[in-house]
Protein backbone atom coordinates (compact mmCIF):
# COMPACT_ATOMS: atom_id res chain seq x y z
CA MET A 1 11.64 6.76 42.76
CA HIS A 2 14.84 6.38 40.10
CA ARG A 3 12.31 5.89 37.61
CA PHE A 4 9.74 9.39 38.89
CA ILE A 5 12.90 11.29 38.90
CA PHE A 6 13.72 10.47 34.83
CA ARG A 7 10.54 10.82 33.48
CA LYS A 8 10.35 13.98 35.23
CA THR A 9 13.88 15.34 33.86
CA LEU A 10 13.02 13.63 30.42
CA LEU A 11 9.85 15.89 30.37
CA ALA A 12 11.68 18.94 31.33
CA PHE A 13 14.08 18.75 28.65
CA MET A 14 11.17 18.11 26.07
CA ALA A 15 9.57 21.65 26.93
CA GLY A 16 12.74 23.19 27.10
CA VAL A 17 13.58 21.69 23.33
CA LEU A 18 9.97 22.82 22.25
CA ILE A 19 9.67 26.24 23.69
CA THR A 20 13.36 26.89 22.37
CA LEU A 21 11.88 26.05 19.01
CA PHE A 22 9.08 28.35 19.00
CA ALA A 23 10.98 30.96 20.56
CA THR A 24 13.77 30.82 17.54
CA GLY A 25 11.67 29.74 14.70
CA ALA A 26 14.50 27.42 14.30
CA SER A 27 11.90 24.59 12.78
CA THR A 28 9.51 24.62 10.20
CA VAL A 29 7.87 21.97 11.20
CA PHE A 30 5.86 24.30 13.10
CA ALA A 31 5.15 26.84 11.11
CA LYS A 32 3.69 27.02 7.84
CA ALA A 33 6.25 27.51 4.60
CA GLN A 34 5.14 31.02 2.83
CA PHE A 35 4.50 30.48 -0.95
CA SER A 36 3.66 33.63 -3.19
CA GLN A 37 0.19 32.69 -5.23
CA ASP A 38 1.96 32.52 -8.39
CA GLU A 39 4.49 29.78 -6.97
CA LEU A 40 1.74 27.55 -5.32
CA ALA A 41 -0.46 27.96 -8.99
CA TYR A 42 2.40 26.34 -10.92
CA MET A 43 4.22 24.10 -8.06
CA PRO A 44 4.35 20.32 -9.57
CA ALA A 45 2.00 17.74 -8.18
CA VAL A 46 4.51 15.70 -7.14
CA LYS A 47 6.07 18.50 -4.90
CA LEU A 48 2.45 20.02 -3.74
CA ILE A 49 1.62 16.53 -2.34
CA GLU A 50 5.55 16.59 -0.36
CA LEU A 51 3.89 19.97 1.12
CA PHE A 52 0.30 19.00 1.61
CA GLN A 53 1.87 16.26 3.92
CA LYS A 54 3.74 18.44 6.18
CA GLY A 55 1.66 20.88 6.43
CA GLU A 56 3.63 23.65 4.62
CA THR A 57 0.42 24.58 2.91
CA THR A 58 -3.28 23.22 1.53
CA PRO A 59 -5.01 22.32 -1.86
CA SER A 60 -7.21 25.43 -0.50
CA GLU A 61 -4.47 27.76 -0.99
CA VAL A 62 -3.71 25.99 -4.09
CA LEU A 63 -6.98 26.35 -5.45
CA GLU A 64 -7.20 29.64 -4.53
CA ALA A 65 -4.35 30.72 -6.36
CA GLN A 66 -4.73 29.34 -9.42
CA ILE A 67 -8.64 31.18 -9.76
CA SER A 68 -7.15 34.21 -8.76
CA ARG A 69 -4.44 33.44 -12.33
CA VAL A 70 -7.79 32.44 -14.23
CA LYS A 71 -10.11 35.13 -13.42
CA LYS A 72 -6.38 37.45 -14.54
CA TYR A 73 -5.42 35.89 -17.34
CA ASN A 74 -8.59 33.88 -19.19
CA GLY A 75 -11.31 36.22 -20.08
CA GLU A 76 -14.89 35.89 -19.56
CA TYR A 77 -16.24 32.60 -20.47
CA ASN A 78 -18.64 31.92 -23.24
CA VAL A 79 -21.22 31.78 -20.69
CA SER A 80 -24.83 32.50 -23.10
CA ARG A 81 -22.89 29.83 -25.57
CA ARG A 82 -23.87 32.23 -28.42
CA ASP A 83 -22.71 31.96 -32.09
CA LEU A 84 -19.16 33.40 -32.16
CA VAL A 85 -18.91 33.74 -35.86
CA ASN A 86 -18.51 37.21 -36.21
CA GLU A 87 -16.77 37.58 -32.67
CA LEU A 88 -13.61 35.30 -33.02
CA ASP A 89 -10.85 38.14 -33.58
CA THR A 90 -12.22 39.94 -30.87
CA PHE A 91 -13.85 37.95 -28.03
CA ASN A 92 -11.52 38.07 -25.59
CA ALA A 93 -8.92 39.63 -27.17
CA GLY A 94 -5.32 39.25 -25.54
CA LYS A 95 -6.87 36.59 -23.44
CA VAL A 96 -5.95 32.56 -22.72
CA ASN A 97 -9.76 31.62 -23.41
CA ALA A 98 -9.14 28.60 -22.50
CA ILE A 99 -12.38 27.76 -20.25
CA THR A 100 -15.70 26.37 -21.14
CA PHE A 101 -17.23 26.67 -17.56
CA ASP A 102 -15.60 25.95 -13.95
CA THR A 103 -16.59 24.75 -11.09
CA PHE A 104 -14.97 26.25 -8.94
CA ASP A 105 -17.89 26.18 -5.90
CA GLU A 106 -17.18 22.60 -5.97
CA ALA A 107 -14.01 22.42 -6.01
CA ARG A 108 -13.73 24.89 -3.00
CA LYS A 109 -15.81 22.23 -1.19
CA LEU A 110 -13.05 18.70 -2.27
CA ALA A 111 -10.43 21.18 -1.24
CA LYS A 112 -11.72 21.63 2.23
CA GLU A 113 -12.02 17.62 2.63
CA ALA A 114 -8.87 17.32 0.96
CA ASP A 115 -7.16 19.50 3.77
CA GLU A 116 -9.28 17.27 6.10
CA ARG A 117 -7.48 14.50 4.53
CA TYR A 118 -3.97 15.57 4.88
CA ARG A 119 -4.46 16.18 8.52
CA ASN A 120 -5.92 13.34 9.53
CA GLY A 121 -3.69 11.18 7.30
CA THR A 122 -5.92 9.58 4.82
CA ALA A 123 -5.09 11.64 1.90
CA ARG A 124 -5.27 9.15 -1.68
CA ARG A 125 -2.60 9.80 -4.37
CA LEU A 126 -3.55 12.66 -6.27
CA GLU A 127 -5.51 14.21 -3.04
CA GLY A 128 -6.50 17.95 -3.81
CA ILE A 129 -4.64 18.40 -6.97
CA THR A 130 -6.48 20.17 -9.36
CA ILE A 131 -6.81 18.77 -12.96
CA GLY A 132 -8.28 20.38 -15.72
CA ILE A 133 -10.98 18.03 -17.89
CA LYS A 134 -10.83 18.45 -21.46
CA ASP A 135 -14.37 18.92 -23.31
CA GLU A 136 -14.58 15.28 -24.30
CA ASN A 137 -14.17 13.03 -21.07
CA GLU A 138 -17.07 11.99 -19.47
CA VAL A 139 -17.78 13.71 -16.03
CA LYS A 140 -21.13 13.21 -13.84
CA GLY A 141 -23.09 16.30 -14.22
CA TRP A 142 -21.50 18.05 -17.07
CA ARG A 143 -22.15 18.50 -20.88
CA VAL A 144 -19.58 17.51 -23.53
CA ASP A 145 -20.63 19.65 -26.14
CA ALA A 146 -17.24 19.70 -28.81
CA ALA A 147 -17.22 23.18 -29.19
CA SER A 148 -20.19 22.27 -31.43
CA LEU A 149 -23.28 24.73 -32.26
CA LEU A 150 -25.48 21.62 -32.88
CA LEU A 151 -24.40 20.06 -29.47
CA LYS A 152 -24.43 23.10 -27.03
CA ASP A 153 -27.68 22.14 -25.88
CA HIS A 154 -26.58 18.80 -25.21
CA GLU A 155 -27.52 16.23 -22.21
CA PRO A 156 -25.31 16.05 -19.03
CA CYS A 157 -23.02 13.02 -18.80
CA THR A 158 -24.85 10.90 -16.60
CA ALA A 159 -21.89 8.65 -15.13
CA ASP A 160 -18.09 9.66 -15.30
CA GLY A 161 -16.08 7.93 -18.13
CA ALA A 162 -13.26 5.28 -17.31
CA MET A 163 -10.41 7.66 -16.96
CA ILE A 164 -12.42 9.84 -14.57
CA GLN A 165 -13.89 7.47 -12.33
CA LYS A 166 -9.63 6.30 -11.96
CA LEU A 167 -8.76 10.37 -10.72
CA ARG A 168 -11.51 10.99 -8.94
CA LYS A 169 -10.97 8.02 -6.37
CA GLU A 170 -7.20 9.31 -6.15
CA GLY A 171 -9.12 12.16 -5.14
CA ALA A 172 -8.33 14.64 -7.97
CA ILE A 173 -10.41 18.06 -7.92
CA PHE A 174 -12.30 18.61 -11.17
CA VAL A 175 -11.88 22.41 -12.09
CA PHE A 176 -12.84 23.01 -15.36
CA GLN A 177 -13.52 22.33 -18.96
CA THR A 178 -11.23 22.82 -21.45
CA THR A 179 -11.51 24.25 -24.96
CA VAL A 180 -11.28 21.77 -28.22
CA PRO A 181 -11.37 23.23 -31.46
CA GLU A 182 -14.80 21.88 -33.19
CA GLN A 183 -15.09 17.76 -33.15
CA TYR A 184 -11.90 18.04 -32.16
CA LEU A 185 -10.67 18.33 -35.89
CA SER A 186 -8.00 21.15 -36.09
CA PRO A 187 -4.42 21.22 -34.16
CA MET A 188 -5.30 25.16 -33.58
CA THR A 189 -8.16 25.65 -30.40
CA TRP A 190 -11.13 27.80 -32.00
CA SER A 191 -14.84 27.74 -32.52
CA ARG A 192 -17.91 29.28 -33.31
CA LEU A 193 -19.06 28.43 -29.70
CA TYR A 194 -16.15 29.68 -27.65
CA GLY A 195 -14.17 31.65 -29.57
CA VAL A 196 -9.98 31.84 -30.09
CA SER A 197 -7.85 29.70 -27.39
CA ARG A 198 -4.32 31.96 -27.30
CA ASN A 199 -0.83 30.82 -26.00
CA PRO A 200 0.29 32.06 -22.96
CA TRP A 201 3.49 31.93 -23.78
CA ASN A 202 2.59 34.19 -26.71
CA LEU A 203 -1.06 35.38 -27.67
CA TYR A 204 -0.41 35.95 -31.27
CA TYR A 205 0.32 31.96 -31.99
CA GLY A 206 -1.90 29.10 -31.20
CA THR A 207 -2.20 26.90 -28.18
CA GLY A 208 -2.84 23.87 -30.29
CA GLY A 209 -5.33 21.13 -30.76
CA SER A 210 -6.93 19.51 -30.07
CA SER A 211 -6.57 19.59 -26.24
CA GLY A 212 -5.82 23.28 -26.80
CA GLY A 213 -7.38 24.13 -23.60
CA SER A 214 -5.77 22.22 -22.00
CA GLY A 215 -2.58 22.90 -22.54
CA ALA A 216 -3.07 26.48 -22.61
CA ALA A 217 -4.43 25.99 -19.03
CA LEU A 218 -1.42 24.39 -17.57
CA ALA A 219 1.00 26.87 -19.04
CA ALA A 220 -1.44 29.59 -17.85
CA GLY A 221 -0.93 28.45 -14.15
CA PHE A 222 -4.55 27.85 -13.91
CA CYS A 223 -4.46 23.99 -12.61
CA THR A 224 -1.72 21.19 -11.43
CA LEU A 225 -2.58 18.89 -14.45
CA ALA A 226 -4.79 18.30 -17.04
CA THR A 227 -6.73 15.81 -19.54
CA GLY A 228 -6.12 14.93 -23.38
CA SER A 229 -6.85 12.64 -25.68
CA ASP A 230 -4.84 12.04 -29.35
CA MET A 231 -5.97 11.16 -31.94
CA GLY A 232 -3.89 12.87 -34.62
CA GLY A 233 -1.49 14.45 -32.31
CA SER A 234 -4.34 16.16 -30.03
CA ILE A 235 -1.82 16.03 -26.33
CA ARG A 236 1.61 15.91 -28.32
CA ILE A 237 0.61 19.18 -30.21
CA PRO A 238 -0.53 21.51 -27.39
CA SER A 239 2.69 20.32 -25.36
CA ALA A 240 5.02 21.46 -28.00
CA MET A 241 2.96 24.47 -28.42
CA ASN A 242 2.73 24.86 -24.73
CA GLY A 243 5.86 23.43 -23.71
CA LEU A 244 4.72 20.59 -21.39
CA TYR A 245 5.33 16.52 -20.92
CA GLY A 246 2.26 14.72 -22.37
CA PHE A 247 2.35 11.25 -23.23
CA LYS A 248 0.15 9.11 -26.18
CA PRO A 249 -0.28 5.86 -24.65
CA PRO A 250 -0.12 2.54 -26.60
CA PHE A 251 -3.40 1.73 -28.08
CA GLY A 252 -5.52 -0.08 -24.83
CA ARG A 253 -3.01 1.57 -22.00
CA VAL A 254 -5.58 3.93 -21.23
CA ALA A 255 -9.19 2.71 -21.11
CA THR A 256 -10.59 4.97 -23.64
CA SER A 257 -12.19 3.62 -26.69
CA ASP A 258 -12.01 0.63 -28.84
CA ASN A 259 -10.84 2.56 -32.05
CA THR A 260 -7.51 2.26 -32.18
CA TYR A 261 -6.43 5.51 -33.55
CA GLU A 262 -7.31 7.23 -30.66
CA THR A 263 -6.44 7.52 -26.80
CA LEU A 264 -6.65 9.43 -23.62
CA GLY A 265 -3.62 10.72 -21.81
CA PRO A 266 -1.98 12.78 -19.38
CA MET A 267 -0.72 16.38 -19.71
CA ALA A 268 1.70 18.02 -17.75
CA ARG A 269 4.19 20.59 -16.83
CA THR A 270 7.13 18.27 -15.18
CA PHE A 271 7.95 15.02 -16.22
CA GLY A 272 7.78 13.71 -12.74
CA ASP A 273 3.60 14.68 -13.35
CA MET A 274 3.24 13.73 -16.11
CA ALA A 275 4.63 10.38 -14.89
CA LEU A 276 2.66 10.07 -12.01
CA MET A 277 -0.86 11.30 -13.76
CA GLN A 278 0.18 7.89 -16.05
CA ASP A 279 0.27 5.76 -13.33
CA VAL A 280 -3.25 6.38 -11.72
CA ILE A 281 -4.87 6.16 -15.05
CA ALA A 282 -3.24 3.31 -16.89
CA GLY A 283 -4.83 -0.32 -16.24
CA PRO A 284 -7.48 -2.17 -17.32
CA SER A 285 -11.52 -0.65 -16.56
CA PRO A 286 -14.34 -2.77 -17.32
CA GLU A 287 -16.10 -0.16 -18.75
CA VAL A 288 -13.61 -0.55 -22.24
CA HIS A 289 -13.06 -3.86 -23.92
CA SER A 290 -9.82 -3.28 -25.37
CA THR A 291 -7.47 -2.31 -22.01
CA ILE A 292 -4.86 -4.14 -21.37
CA ARG A 293 -4.07 -6.22 -18.61
CA PRO A 294 -2.26 -6.33 -16.22
CA LYS A 295 -1.41 -2.30 -15.19
CA LEU A 296 1.85 -1.29 -16.10
CA ASP A 297 3.47 0.77 -13.39
CA TYR A 298 5.22 4.09 -13.74
CA PRO A 299 7.84 4.96 -11.36
CA GLN A 300 9.05 8.14 -11.06
CA LYS A 301 13.30 7.48 -11.61
CA TYR A 302 14.40 5.64 -14.55
CA ALA A 303 18.02 3.97 -15.17
CA SER A 304 20.42 6.07 -17.25
CA ILE A 305 20.92 5.94 -20.10
CA LYS A 306 24.74 5.91 -20.38
CA GLY A 307 26.02 3.75 -23.48
CA GLN A 308 22.51 2.60 -24.96
CA LYS A 309 21.59 3.84 -28.60
CA VAL A 310 18.67 6.01 -29.29
CA ALA A 311 17.75 6.92 -32.95
CA VAL A 312 16.90 10.38 -34.55
CA ALA A 313 15.01 11.50 -37.43
CA TYR A 314 15.36 15.16 -38.58
CA CYS A 315 12.79 13.79 -40.99
CA ARG A 316 14.13 16.22 -43.46
CA ASN A 317 11.92 14.77 -46.22
CA TRP A 318 8.28 15.28 -44.26
CA LEU A 319 7.96 18.40 -46.35
CA GLN A 320 9.46 18.98 -49.47
CA GLY A 321 11.39 22.38 -48.49
CA GLY A 322 12.55 20.95 -45.09
CA LEU A 323 10.96 21.60 -41.73
CA SER A 324 11.82 25.16 -39.84
CA GLN A 325 14.69 27.07 -38.65
CA GLU A 326 13.18 25.88 -35.26
CA ALA A 327 12.41 22.21 -35.53
CA ASN A 328 15.64 21.67 -36.52
CA HIS A 329 17.56 23.43 -33.88
CA ALA A 330 15.53 21.82 -31.59
CA MET A 331 16.90 18.40 -32.91
CA ASP A 332 19.96 19.58 -32.53
CA SER A 333 19.60 20.62 -28.68
CA THR A 334 17.94 17.52 -27.80
CA VAL A 335 21.20 15.04 -29.66
CA ALA A 336 23.59 17.57 -27.86
CA ALA A 337 21.64 16.87 -24.68
CA LEU A 338 21.59 12.94 -25.47
CA LYS A 339 25.18 12.89 -25.78
CA LYS A 340 25.64 15.22 -22.40
CA ALA A 341 23.14 12.11 -20.38
CA GLY A 342 25.80 9.29 -22.21
CA ALA A 343 23.72 8.36 -25.20
CA GLN A 344 24.61 6.85 -28.91
CA VAL A 345 23.22 8.87 -31.09
CA GLU A 346 21.92 6.81 -34.43
CA LEU A 347 21.07 9.29 -37.34
CA ILE A 348 18.18 8.19 -39.41
CA GLU A 349 15.59 9.00 -41.59
CA LEU A 350 11.90 7.46 -41.86
CA ASP A 351 10.55 6.52 -45.48
CA VAL A 352 7.48 8.96 -45.03
CA SER A 353 6.56 12.44 -45.89
CA ALA A 354 3.48 14.51 -45.83
CA GLU A 355 2.52 14.39 -49.20
CA ASN A 356 2.30 10.53 -49.09
CA PHE A 357 1.04 9.95 -45.75
CA MET A 358 -1.58 12.16 -44.49
CA PRO A 359 -4.39 11.43 -47.61
CA THR A 360 -4.17 7.73 -47.08
CA TYR A 361 -3.92 8.12 -42.87
CA PHE A 362 -6.96 10.96 -42.56
CA LYS A 363 -9.11 8.33 -44.70
CA GLY A 364 -8.25 5.33 -42.80
CA LEU A 365 -9.30 7.59 -39.41
CA MET A 366 -12.47 8.81 -40.97
CA SER A 367 -13.68 4.94 -42.64
CA THR A 368 -13.94 4.19 -38.86
CA SER A 369 -16.18 5.45 -36.37
CA MET A 370 -14.54 8.65 -36.15
CA TYR A 371 -16.92 9.77 -39.28
CA VAL A 372 -19.39 9.82 -36.80
CA ILE A 373 -18.19 13.84 -35.96
CA PHE A 374 -19.68 15.12 -39.86
CA ASP A 375 -22.91 13.91 -38.58
CA GLY A 376 -25.49 16.64 -39.44
CA LEU A 377 -23.29 18.23 -41.67
CA ASP A 378 -25.44 17.95 -44.78
CA LYS A 379 -28.43 19.50 -43.00
CA HIS A 380 -27.27 22.51 -41.14
CA ARG A 381 -23.70 22.85 -42.55
CA ASP A 382 -24.32 26.60 -42.13
CA LYS A 383 -23.56 25.77 -38.06
CA PHE A 384 -20.00 24.56 -38.57
CA SER A 385 -16.57 25.85 -38.51
CA SER A 386 -15.20 26.52 -41.96
CA TYR A 387 -12.17 23.63 -41.33
CA VAL A 388 -14.99 20.70 -40.51
CA LYS A 389 -16.14 21.53 -43.66
CA ASN A 390 -12.86 21.48 -45.38
CA LEU A 391 -11.34 17.94 -43.95
CA GLU A 392 -14.87 16.81 -45.04
CA ALA A 393 -14.15 17.96 -48.35
CA TYR A 394 -10.44 16.43 -48.16
CA ALA A 395 -11.74 12.86 -46.87
CA GLY A 396 -13.73 12.88 -49.73
CA LYS A 397 -16.12 10.02 -50.56
CA LEU A 398 -14.93 6.87 -48.49
CA THR A 399 -14.91 3.34 -49.10
CA PRO A 400 -13.54 -0.02 -47.47
CA GLN A 401 -10.26 0.34 -49.59
CA ASP A 402 -9.15 3.53 -47.79
CA GLN A 403 -9.21 1.26 -44.75
CA VAL A 404 -7.32 -1.23 -46.32
CA ASN A 405 -4.88 1.30 -47.63
CA ALA A 406 -4.16 2.54 -44.80
CA GLU A 407 -3.63 -1.02 -43.40
CA LEU A 408 -0.81 -1.45 -46.22
CA MET A 409 0.85 2.03 -45.01
CA LEU A 410 0.67 0.73 -41.42
CA ALA A 411 2.75 -2.38 -42.43
CA LYS A 412 5.58 -0.76 -44.78
CA LEU A 413 5.80 2.00 -41.74
CA HIS A 414 6.52 -0.50 -38.96
CA ARG A 415 8.95 -2.39 -41.08
CA ASN A 416 10.65 0.52 -41.81
CA VAL A 417 11.11 1.76 -38.03
CA GLN A 418 11.61 -2.12 -36.75
CA GLN A 419 15.08 -2.34 -39.08
CA LYS A 420 16.57 1.27 -39.09
CA VAL A 421 15.69 1.52 -35.00
CA PHE A 422 14.85 -0.89 -32.66
CA GLU A 423 16.55 -4.37 -35.06
CA LYS A 424 19.73 -1.93 -34.68
CA GLY A 425 19.15 -1.96 -30.60
CA CYS A 426 18.27 1.48 -30.38
CA ILE A 427 15.96 2.03 -27.47
CA ALA A 428 14.10 5.12 -28.68
CA LEU A 429 13.53 6.87 -31.77
CA ILE A 430 13.12 11.11 -31.52
CA MET A 431 11.42 13.27 -33.97
CA PRO A 432 10.28 16.23 -34.12
CA THR A 433 6.62 17.55 -32.83
CA LEU A 434 5.73 20.08 -35.69
CA ALA A 435 6.98 21.58 -38.52
CA THR A 436 6.92 24.83 -37.33
CA PRO A 437 6.04 26.52 -33.60
CA HIS A 438 4.11 29.02 -35.40
CA PHE A 439 0.59 28.65 -36.09
CA PRO A 440 -1.35 31.42 -35.80
CA ALA A 441 -3.88 31.07 -33.05
CA ASP A 442 -7.13 31.05 -35.54
CA LEU A 443 -5.55 29.02 -38.46
CA ASP A 444 -7.81 28.50 -41.08
CA ALA A 445 -7.06 27.56 -44.41
CA THR A 446 -6.91 31.49 -45.65
CA PRO A 447 -3.84 33.61 -46.78
CA ASP A 448 -3.90 35.93 -43.66
CA LYS A 449 -4.45 32.78 -41.35
CA ALA A 450 -2.02 30.24 -42.71
CA ALA A 451 1.16 29.02 -40.92
CA GLN A 452 4.26 29.31 -43.15
CA VAL A 453 7.35 27.19 -43.42
CA ARG A 454 10.58 28.76 -44.94
CA GLY A 455 8.45 31.39 -46.98
CA LYS A 456 5.68 28.51 -48.17
CA THR A 457 2.42 27.74 -46.83
CA TYR A 458 0.96 24.13 -46.67
CA SER A 459 -2.15 22.87 -45.23
CA SER A 460 -1.99 23.00 -41.58
CA THR A 461 -2.25 19.05 -41.74
CA ASN A 462 0.93 18.74 -43.42
CA LEU A 463 2.79 20.48 -40.67
CA MET A 464 2.16 17.89 -37.83
CA LEU A 465 4.21 14.50 -37.55
CA THR A 466 2.21 13.13 -34.71
CA PRO A 467 -0.65 10.98 -37.08
CA ILE A 468 2.76 8.41 -38.17
CA TRP A 469 2.11 7.26 -34.43
CA ASN A 470 -1.65 7.15 -34.52
CA LEU A 471 -1.88 4.96 -37.48
CA ALA A 472 0.95 2.88 -35.22
CA SER A 473 -0.55 2.94 -32.43
CA ARG A 474 0.85 0.57 -30.14
CA TYR A 475 3.91 2.65 -30.32
CA PRO A 476 3.86 4.30 -26.72
CA VAL A 477 5.20 8.56 -27.46
CA VAL A 478 6.38 11.27 -24.69
CA ALA A 479 6.04 14.30 -25.92
CA MET A 480 8.91 16.86 -24.08
CA PRO A 481 9.70 20.34 -24.31
CA VAL A 482 12.74 21.51 -25.15
CA GLU A 483 13.36 24.93 -25.99
CA LEU A 484 11.29 28.47 -26.86
CA SER A 485 11.82 30.18 -30.55
CA ALA A 486 12.93 33.70 -30.70
CA LYS A 487 9.09 34.70 -30.53
CA ASN A 488 8.73 33.08 -27.34
CA VAL A 489 7.11 29.86 -28.36
CA PRO A 490 7.73 26.53 -26.89
CA VAL A 491 9.38 23.84 -29.36
CA GLY A 492 9.59 20.28 -28.56
CA VAL A 493 10.44 16.82 -29.81
CA GLN A 494 8.19 12.95 -29.52
CA ILE A 495 10.06 10.07 -27.61
CA VAL A 496 9.07 7.07 -29.66
CA SER A 497 10.08 3.60 -27.74
CA ASN A 498 9.22 0.20 -29.06
CA THR A 499 5.78 -1.37 -29.20
CA TYR A 500 3.95 -1.54 -25.86
CA ASP A 501 7.56 -0.58 -24.52
CA ASP A 502 6.19 2.30 -22.58
CA LEU A 503 9.16 2.66 -20.16
CA ASN A 504 12.13 2.89 -22.08
CA ALA A 505 10.22 6.20 -23.54
CA PHE A 506 10.03 7.25 -20.15
CA ARG A 507 13.67 6.73 -19.81
CA VAL A 508 14.74 8.89 -22.47
CA ALA A 509 12.58 11.46 -21.60
CA TYR A 510 13.42 11.20 -17.93
CA ALA A 511 17.31 11.82 -19.24
CA LEU A 512 16.45 14.07 -21.26
CA SER A 513 14.73 16.50 -18.16
CA LYS A 514 18.01 16.07 -16.08
CA THR A 515 20.41 17.65 -19.02
CA ILE A 516 17.60 20.27 -20.58
CA ALA A 517 17.17 23.37 -18.81
CA PRO A 518 13.11 22.85 -17.86
CA LEU A 519 10.78 25.47 -18.73
CA TYR A 520 8.54 26.81 -15.50
CA LYS A 521 11.26 27.26 -13.52
CA ASP A 522 14.10 29.99 -12.75
CA GLY A 523 12.21 32.54 -14.36
CA ARG A 524 11.88 30.53 -17.73
CA PHE A 525 7.46 31.07 -17.07
CA PRO A 526 5.17 32.64 -19.85
CA ASP A 527 4.56 36.26 -20.04
CA PHE A 528 1.39 37.09 -22.07
CA ARG A 529 3.67 38.78 -24.81
CA ASN A 530 1.26 39.14 -27.95
CA VAL A 531 3.34 40.04 -30.70
CA LYS A 532 3.27 38.39 -34.11
């Protein structure tokens, strides 16, 4: 009798609580939170997963918000796949142009499945998170044409690549393919097949390359994460120019290829998202011989850098006239942030200059299997973009000695870095990513499409400080945003840790992410201006 009365009283009490909650709207457990489409489009993956789990939004809602932005800001896809040689400056003028094709119909189906997985508790690590896929990564049924007219009718891929397999297994949704420069051979993204990709922060300027479409798509709020690859800075350059976090893993950390210059890696708007994606794609794969065992885990949070030594190199000798004021100012801001985080700053200079480094690096790169990217140039020279032909001439005649010279330069560079940085007890080295953030979107080897630093015009290859760490490929490098230039273009830095010591690079980047005002927050979003 007493148990019956107790149960009746308890049920009445619970019913009263529920009635009160519904009547007052006091709980968000029973009512979906409201977010604007722009908020959903730019929401970090880490936050979205929390919201999905709570039922406060759904993957389908986020996908539709991002599709809306694609339709508003990207411009027409080059669906006819025509040669745009006479339309480069006018095709999609005033638009981002970061996408080659989309798979929105399939993505909508997958998003609905992800909605249900969150409802029934079977969601995977990246369930329902949208990812832009670089026109290099093999996705079953997709065509990879490297923005080349010669490859535009290439057969679709018959299977997923190793990294794509890992992303698909964890529930990521592939929403579109992103643009690249032809054969991945330019620090800016334009081609005769897909036109010019532009920076959402300022459409006059470039989005970087070769993962430029991925960078622009993230900056524009078209997707939540994106894939990149890096054989000369192709993750770090667009990360810097679009205000993103990107990671060039050390050789073998992510299943890529057996070419030591090259690696695949994550691109994201926040540190946490970069770490999440890297944790998913890292680790051995039966597809690629060179991947490292065991898998390294990348946590979301890291120990303080208070009291730790961090080396800083302004790289004043990279160009004879010095780097731009914007690059130097970003380094000043980074030094201030390091000190605020309690680190001990050790100023150094590396014994390396673009004039001496770049020719040896490039000849070393091209004397590997990478030379295949020039296939067909002799017979179909009229089909190639100007920068491909220019770089073939820059490479010149290649011999085995070119690889020997690159290896000798690597040995000298490695000893220099070890002696000045890591043997001195520093946990990382920070340096600029680019000599200037201000590259015209259609950068080329002509005066009206060139980049300048302190009044001097340089070869675009000499304006990148990234290839150092493709030659020295066992060093992990995190790219992170620091600030905006006066022309509203992001400026970033590189954080380098010792060989295969990925987590110290992440540790420093995490500390800086807490002390430097983040982009994509508090009104600091791209406004799609178009101003020289």
